[in-house]
C-alpha atoms as a PDB file:
ATOM      1  CA  GLY A   1     167.201 154.911 114.549  1.00  0.00           C
ATOM      2  CA  GLY A   2     170.367 154.653 112.636  1.00  0.00           C
ATOM      3  CA  TYR A   3     173.810 156.104 112.535  1.00  0.00           C
ATOM      4  CA  ASP A   4     175.708 157.273 109.505  1.00  0.00           C
ATOM      5  CA  GLY A   5     179.364 156.785 110.401  1.00  0.00           C
ATOM      6  CA  ALA A   6     180.713 157.922 107.026  1.00  0.00           C
ATOM      7  CA  THR A   7     179.361 161.465 107.108  1.00  0.00           C
ATOM      8  CA  PHE A   8     178.305 161.630 110.751  1.00  0.00           C
ATOM      9  CA  ARG A   9     174.621 162.088 109.962  1.00  0.00           C
ATOM     10  CA  PRO A  10     172.986 160.329 112.908  1.00  0.00           C
ATOM     11  CA  TRP A  11     169.236 160.022 113.237  1.00  0.00           C
ATOM     12  CA  THR A  12     166.921 158.636 115.877  1.00  0.00           C
ATOM     13  CA  LEU A  13     163.388 157.311 116.115  1.00  0.00           C
ATOM     14  CA  ALA A  14     161.638 157.089 119.462  1.00  0.00           C
ATOM     15  CA  LEU A  15     158.433 155.264 120.341  1.00  0.00           C
ATOM     16  CA  LYS A  16     156.366 156.889 123.071  1.00  0.00           C
ATOM     17  CA  ALA A  17     154.157 154.915 125.442  1.00  0.00           C
ATOM     18  CA  ASP A  18     151.068 156.251 123.632  1.00  0.00           C
ATOM     19  CA  GLY A  19     152.139 154.503 120.399  1.00  0.00           C
ATOM     20  CA  THR A  20     153.318 157.637 118.575  1.00  0.00           C
ATOM     21  CA  VAL A  21     156.680 157.793 116.779  1.00  0.00           C
ATOM     22  CA  TRP A  22     159.037 160.760 116.986  1.00  0.00           C
ATOM     23  CA  GLY A  23     162.254 161.416 115.070  1.00  0.00           C
ATOM     24  CA  ALA A  24     165.269 163.726 115.063  1.00  0.00           C
ATOM     25  CA  GLY A  25     168.502 164.129 113.104  1.00  0.00           C
ATOM     26  CA  ASP A  26     169.313 163.310 109.496  1.00  0.00           C
ATOM     27  CA  ASN A  27     166.235 162.940 107.328  1.00  0.00           C
ATOM     28  CA  SER A  28     167.823 163.129 103.873  1.00  0.00           C
ATOM     29  CA  SER A  29     165.817 160.163 102.578  1.00  0.00           C
ATOM     30  CA  GLY A  30     162.666 160.743 104.605  1.00  0.00           C
ATOM     31  CA  GLN A  31     163.535 158.099 107.187  1.00  0.00           C
ATOM     32  CA  LEU A  32     161.890 160.102 109.995  1.00  0.00           C
ATOM     33  CA  GLY A  33     158.528 159.687 108.253  1.00  0.00           C
ATOM     34  CA  ASP A  34     157.396 163.255 108.855  1.00  0.00           C
ATOM     35  CA  GLY A  35     156.572 163.912 105.189  1.00  0.00           C
ATOM     36  CA  THR A  36     159.780 165.872 104.539  1.00  0.00           C
ATOM     37  CA  THR A  37     163.478 165.378 103.940  1.00  0.00           C
ATOM     38  CA  THR A  38     164.354 168.199 106.336  1.00  0.00           C
ATOM     39  CA  PHE A  39     167.096 167.727 108.938  1.00  0.00           C
ATOM     40  CA  ARG A  40     165.507 167.947 112.396  1.00  0.00           C
ATOM     41  CA  ASN A  41     167.492 169.160 115.398  1.00  0.00           C
ATOM     42  CA  THR A  42     164.519 168.613 117.719  1.00  0.00           C
ATOM     43  CA  PHE A  43     162.122 165.690 117.871  1.00  0.00           C
ATOM     44  CA  VAL A  44     159.128 165.898 115.526  1.00  0.00           C
ATOM     45  CA  GLN A  45     156.240 163.489 115.350  1.00  0.00           C
ATOM     46  CA  SER A  46     156.200 161.083 112.408  1.00  0.00           C
ATOM     47  CA  SER A  47     152.893 162.508 111.264  1.00  0.00           C
ATOM     48  CA  SER A  48     152.364 159.854 108.599  1.00  0.00           C
ATOM     49  CA  LEU A  49     151.656 157.397 111.432  1.00  0.00           C
ATOM     50  CA  ASN A  50     148.962 159.556 113.060  1.00  0.00           C
ATOM     51  CA  GLY A  51     146.047 157.359 114.125  1.00  0.00           C
ATOM     52  CA  ILE A  52     148.153 154.179 114.018  1.00  0.00           C
ATOM     53  CA  ASN A  53     149.087 152.649 117.349  1.00  0.00           C
ATOM     54  CA  VAL A  54     152.712 151.591 116.833  1.00  0.00           C
ATOM     55  CA  ALA A  55     154.140 148.712 118.869  1.00  0.00           C
ATOM     56  CA  LYS A  56     157.714 148.488 117.469  1.00  0.00           C
ATOM     57  CA  ILE A  57     160.101 150.636 115.440  1.00  0.00           C
ATOM     58  CA  TYR A  58     163.236 149.717 113.506  1.00  0.00           C
ATOM     59  CA  GLY A  59     165.947 151.707 111.717  1.00  0.00           C
ATOM     60  CA  SER A  60     168.840 150.976 109.374  1.00  0.00           C
ATOM     61  CA  ALA A  61     172.317 152.405 109.168  1.00  0.00           C
ATOM     62  CA  ALA A  62     173.227 154.748 106.319  1.00  0.00           C
ATOM     63  CA  ASP A  63     176.356 155.897 104.537  1.00  0.00           C
ATOM     64  CA  GLY A  64     177.338 159.024 102.652  1.00  0.00           C
ATOM     65  CA  ALA A  65     175.965 157.761  99.344  1.00  0.00           C
ATOM     66  CA  THR A  66     172.590 156.509 100.552  1.00  0.00           C
ATOM     67  CA  GLY A  67     170.149 157.310 103.294  1.00  0.00           C
ATOM     68  CA  GLY A  68     168.559 155.424 106.108  1.00  0.00           C
ATOM     69  CA  PHE A  69     165.206 153.692 106.110  1.00  0.00           C
ATOM     70  CA  SER A  70     162.763 152.881 108.863  1.00  0.00           C
ATOM     71  CA  ALA A  71     159.991 150.455 109.735  1.00  0.00           C
ATOM     72  CA  ALA A  72     157.105 150.608 112.178  1.00  0.00           C
ATOM     73  CA  VAL A  73     154.871 147.708 113.163  1.00  0.00           C
ATOM     74  CA  SER A  74     151.406 148.494 114.496  1.00  0.00           C
ATOM     75  CA  THR A  75     149.761 146.733 117.419  1.00  0.00           C
ATOM     76  CA  THR A  76     147.708 144.839 114.820  1.00  0.00           C
ATOM     77  CA  GLY A  77     150.888 143.568 113.092  1.00  0.00           C
ATOM     78  CA  ARG A  78     150.770 145.815 110.011  1.00  0.00           C
ATOM     79  CA  LEU A  79     154.093 146.987 108.555  1.00  0.00           C
ATOM     80  CA  TYR A  80     154.816 150.600 107.565  1.00  0.00           C
ATOM     81  CA  MET A  81     158.113 151.791 106.031  1.00  0.00           C
ATOM     82  CA  SER A  82     159.771 155.074 105.023  1.00  0.00           C
ATOM     83  CA  GLY A  83     163.117 156.406 103.819  1.00  0.00           C
ATOM     84  CA  TYR A  84     165.725 155.284 101.317  1.00  0.00           C
ATOM     85  CA  ASN A  85     164.471 152.764  98.743  1.00  0.00           C
ATOM     86  CA  GLY A  86     167.200 152.648  96.095  1.00  0.00           C
ATOM     87  CA  ASN A  87     167.148 148.836  95.976  1.00  0.00           C
ATOM     88  CA  GLY A  88     163.466 148.305  96.687  1.00  0.00           C
ATOM     89  CA  GLN A  89     164.035 147.521 100.363  1.00  0.00           C
ATOM     90  CA  LEU A  90     160.759 149.186 101.366  1.00  0.00           C
ATOM     91  CA  GLY A  91     158.890 146.385  99.576  1.00  0.00           C
ATOM     92  CA  GLN A  92     156.678 148.744  97.554  1.00  0.00           C
ATOM     93  CA  ASN A  93     157.579 147.267  94.129  1.00  0.00           C
ATOM     94  CA  ASP A  94     159.575 150.363  93.135  1.00  0.00           C
ATOM     95  CA  THR A  95     162.771 152.212  94.022  1.00  0.00           C
ATOM     96  CA  THR A  96     161.244 155.544  95.050  1.00  0.00           C
ATOM     97  CA  ASN A  97     162.260 156.971  98.426  1.00  0.00           C
ATOM     98  CA  ARG A  98     159.404 157.646 100.854  1.00  0.00           C
ATOM     99  CA  SER A  99     159.305 160.600 103.271  1.00  0.00           C
ATOM    100  CA  SER A 100     156.125 159.286 104.872  1.00  0.00           C
ATOM    101  CA  PHE A 101     155.536 155.879 106.382  1.00  0.00           C
ATOM    102  CA  GLN A 102     153.479 153.783 103.967  1.00  0.00           C
ATOM    103  CA  LEU A 103     151.652 150.540 104.576  1.00  0.00           C
ATOM    104  CA  VAL A 104     153.469 147.582 103.024  1.00  0.00           C
ATOM    105  CA  THR A 105     151.121 145.277 101.143  1.00  0.00           C
ATOM    106  CA  GLY A 106     151.551 142.479  98.665  1.00  0.00           C
ATOM    107  CA  ALA A 107     153.413 139.484 100.039  1.00  0.00           C
ATOM    108  CA  PHE A 108     151.849 138.841 103.404  1.00  0.00           C
ATOM    109  CA  ASP A 109     148.432 139.219 104.966  1.00  0.00           C
ATOM    110  CA  THR A 110     149.542 137.906 108.340  1.00  0.00           C
ATOM    111  CA  LYS A 111     150.859 139.770 111.357  1.00  0.00           C
ATOM    112  CA  VAL A 112     154.454 140.944 111.305  1.00  0.00           C
ATOM    113  CA  THR A 113     156.340 139.931 114.447  1.00  0.00           C
ATOM    114  CA  LYS A 114     159.949 140.925 113.679  1.00  0.00           C
ATOM    115  CA  VAL A 115     161.804 143.177 111.239  1.00  0.00           C
ATOM    116  CA  VAL A 116     165.521 143.340 110.465  1.00  0.00           C
ATOM    117  CA  LEU A 117     166.873 146.238 108.395  1.00  0.00           C
ATOM    118  CA  ILE A 118     170.370 146.003 106.934  1.00  0.00           C
ATOM    119  CA  GLY A 119     171.693 149.378 105.851  1.00  0.00           C
ATOM    120  CA  SER A 120     174.771 150.366 103.919  1.00  0.00           C
ATOM    121  CA  ASN A 121     178.132 148.894 104.814  1.00  0.00           C
ATOM    122  CA  ASP A 122     181.709 148.824 103.599  1.00  0.00           C
ATOM    123  CA  GLU A 123     181.004 145.657 101.617  1.00  0.00           C
ATOM    124  CA  GLY A 124     178.831 147.645  99.197  1.00  0.00           C
ATOM    125  CA  SER A 125     175.419 146.540 100.440  1.00  0.00           C
ATOM    126  CA  THR A 126     172.938 149.376 100.183  1.00  0.00           C
ATOM    127  CA  GLY A 127     169.862 148.155 101.955  1.00  0.00           C
ATOM    128  CA  SER A 128     167.964 144.963 102.598  1.00  0.00           C
ATOM    129  CA  ALA A 129     164.927 144.249 104.747  1.00  0.00           C
ATOM    130  CA  TYR A 130     163.667 141.030 106.294  1.00  0.00           C
ATOM    131  CA  VAL A 131     160.234 140.438 107.829  1.00  0.00           C
ATOM    132  CA  LEU A 132     159.067 137.516 109.956  1.00  0.00           C
ATOM    133  CA  ASP A 133     155.328 136.903 110.260  1.00  0.00           C
ATOM    134  CA  ASN A 134     153.376 135.234 113.041  1.00  0.00           C
ATOM    135  CA  GLU A 135     153.258 131.963 111.087  1.00  0.00           C
ATOM    136  CA  GLY A 136     157.066 131.722 110.947  1.00  0.00           C
ATOM    137  CA  ASN A 137     157.413 132.766 107.292  1.00  0.00           C
ATOM    138  CA  LEU A 138     160.377 134.940 106.346  1.00  0.00           C
ATOM    139  CA  TYR A 139     160.153 137.591 103.597  1.00  0.00           C
ATOM    140  CA  SER A 140     162.870 139.795 102.109  1.00  0.00           C
ATOM    141  CA  ALA A 141     163.343 142.771  99.784  1.00  0.00           C
ATOM    142  CA  GLY A 142     166.167 145.041  98.644  1.00  0.00           C
ATOM    143  CA  TYR A 143     169.833 144.634  97.763  1.00  0.00           C
ATOM    144  CA  ASN A 144     170.634 141.074  96.684  1.00  0.00           C
ATOM    145  CA  ALA A 145     173.861 141.025  94.641  1.00  0.00           C
ATOM    146  CA  GLY A 146     175.294 138.281  96.857  1.00  0.00           C
ATOM    147  CA  GLY A 147     172.045 136.335  97.109  1.00  0.00           C
ATOM    148  CA  GLN A 148     171.579 137.488 100.704  1.00  0.00           C
ATOM    149  CA  LEU A 149     167.800 137.741 100.299  1.00  0.00           C
ATOM    150  CA  ALA A 150     167.729 133.919  99.928  1.00  0.00           C
ATOM    151  CA  LEU A 151     165.345 134.109  96.974  1.00  0.00           C
ATOM    152  CA  GLY A 152     167.252 131.695  94.762  1.00  0.00           C
ATOM    153  CA  ASN A 153     168.763 134.498  92.636  1.00  0.00           C
ATOM    154  CA  THR A 154     171.056 137.534  92.850  1.00  0.00           C
ATOM    155  CA  THR A 155     168.627 140.122  91.471  1.00  0.00           C
ATOM    156  CA  SER A 156     168.255 143.417  93.326  1.00  0.00           C
ATOM    157  CA  GLY A 157     165.629 146.060  92.740  1.00  0.00           C
ATOM    158  CA  ALA A 158     161.963 146.868  92.782  1.00  0.00           C
ATOM    159  CA  ARG A 159     159.805 144.131  94.242  1.00  0.00           C
ATOM    160  CA  PHE A 160     157.275 143.436  96.877  1.00  0.00           C
ATOM    161  CA  PHE A 161     158.490 141.493  99.885  1.00  0.00           C
ATOM    162  CA  THR A 162     159.035 137.933  98.673  1.00  0.00           C
ATOM    163  CA  LYS A 163     158.855 134.767 100.717  1.00  0.00           C
ATOM    164  CA  VAL A 164     162.312 133.323 101.316  1.00  0.00           C
ATOM    165  CA  VAL A 165     162.916 129.877  99.804  1.00  0.00           C
ATOM    166  CA  ASN A 166     164.023 126.848 101.852  1.00  0.00           C
ATOM    167  CA  THR A 167     163.554 128.242 105.355  1.00  0.00           C
ATOM    168  CA  GLY A 168     163.163 124.918 107.022  1.00  0.00           C
END
């Protein structure tokens, strides 16, 4: 889950032993993945992941101006994301927020092994995501004004996850 220190809008995701994902708290950008943007003061199942056996979950931080975003990786290594997407950090080639977890396609056909989500901060960053696959390739999407996506440019916005240049 994530924590919004600016407006005190915390939210949490929990992964149960049966592979289901549950969320509570702030859901203003759909980061709980339950198909709504409704604040939840009790845990609700992230229904958009029904039938998907989830192995790992990840969440970003959020601030008062933007919302959080979340990622889930299935036991087969597929990546699903929901929530705030103002800089294209969900890797769906647009900047539309998602209230349901959606399968990320495009850049990689391999298994995802690690995800890092960078939420909003006092430096002005408003969301970046990094994905490592089982072949050691690193991909990124989202906010890039400082070149932090390591794509050889400083362009932010709608894109699929893109393989990072010069990783080794």
